[in-house]
Amino acid sequence: MPVLGPIKRNELIRNLKKLGFEGPLAGGNHQYMIRGNLKLHIPNPHHGDISKGLLSRILKQAGIEKSEWEGL
């Protein structure tokens, strides 16, 4: 069960796939993942761990509740 805190990029991708996202796909300056009509940009791989704040913003854009994320 992932905690809402710093996370590695590959863990973020793995968990988003569990929630129905496909990708990552190449596009512009950032890769993105898709679920239905939603296109979610994900951070570049060379910036280290994803902070709690950035993770919160990503989940908000994806429409994922904290309880849903922590319930994985």
Protein backbone atom coordinates (compact mmCIF):
# COMPACT_ATOMS: atom_id res chain seq x y z
CA MET A 1 0.00 0.00 0.00
CA PRO A 2 1.76 3.22 -1.16
CA VAL A 3 1.86 6.08 1.29
CA LEU A 4 1.21 9.61 0.06
CA GLY A 5 4.83 10.71 0.22
CA PRO A 6 8.03 10.76 -1.83
CA ILE A 7 8.01 8.04 -4.47
CA LYS A 8 10.26 6.83 -7.26
CA ARG A 9 9.11 7.47 -10.82
CA ASN A 10 8.91 3.77 -11.72
CA GLU A 11 6.72 3.12 -8.65
CA LEU A 12 4.42 5.98 -9.71
CA ILE A 13 4.08 4.45 -13.18
CA ARG A 14 3.44 0.95 -11.76
CA ASN A 15 0.72 2.26 -9.44
CA LEU A 16 -0.93 4.35 -12.16
CA LYS A 17 -1.09 1.23 -14.34
CA LYS A 18 -2.87 -0.58 -11.50
CA LEU A 19 -5.42 2.26 -11.60
CA GLY A 20 -6.08 1.78 -15.31
CA PHE A 21 -3.59 4.14 -16.96
CA GLU A 22 -1.66 3.15 -20.09
CA GLY A 23 1.84 4.26 -20.99
CA PRO A 24 4.11 6.03 -20.51
CA LEU A 25 3.98 7.45 -24.01
CA ALA A 26 6.37 9.98 -25.57
CA GLY A 27 5.14 13.51 -26.14
CA GLY A 28 6.74 16.93 -26.12
CA ASN A 29 8.97 17.61 -23.12
CA HIS A 30 7.33 15.04 -20.85
CA GLN A 31 6.03 11.54 -21.19
CA TYR A 32 2.38 11.01 -20.39
CA MET A 33 -0.07 8.29 -19.46
CA ILE A 34 -3.67 8.00 -20.56
CA ARG A 35 -6.92 6.63 -19.14
CA GLY A 36 -9.96 7.21 -21.30
CA ASN A 37 -9.91 10.86 -22.37
CA LEU A 38 -7.53 11.90 -19.57
CA LYS A 39 -3.92 12.65 -20.52
CA LEU A 40 -1.64 12.81 -17.47
CA HIS A 41 1.88 14.21 -17.86
CA ILE A 42 4.45 12.51 -15.64
CA PRO A 43 7.81 13.89 -14.44
CA ASN A 44 10.99 13.23 -16.40
CA PRO A 45 13.09 10.30 -15.16
CA HIS A 46 16.24 12.28 -14.35
CA HIS A 47 14.91 14.45 -11.52
CA GLY A 48 15.14 11.91 -8.67
CA ASP A 49 12.24 11.02 -6.38
CA ILE A 50 8.85 12.67 -6.82
CA SER A 51 8.02 14.81 -3.79
CA LYS A 52 4.85 14.52 -1.74
CA GLY A 53 3.62 17.87 -3.10
CA LEU A 54 4.14 16.91 -6.73
CA LEU A 55 2.56 13.51 -6.15
CA SER A 56 -0.50 15.23 -4.64
CA ARG A 57 -0.83 17.48 -7.70
CA ILE A 58 -0.48 14.51 -10.08
CA LEU A 59 -3.16 12.55 -8.22
CA LYS A 60 -5.48 15.58 -8.21
CA GLN A 61 -5.07 15.99 -11.99
CA ALA A 62 -5.75 12.26 -12.41
CA GLY A 63 -8.88 12.41 -10.24
CA ILE A 64 -7.45 9.88 -7.79
CA GLU A 65 -8.46 10.21 -4.14
CA LYS A 66 -5.86 9.78 -1.39
CA SER A 67 -7.79 6.79 -0.02
CA GLU A 68 -7.84 5.14 -3.47
CA TRP A 69 -4.07 5.67 -3.82
CA GLU A 70 -3.26 4.32 -0.38
CA GLY A 71 -5.59 1.36 -0.94
CA LEU A 72 -3.47 -0.09 -3.76
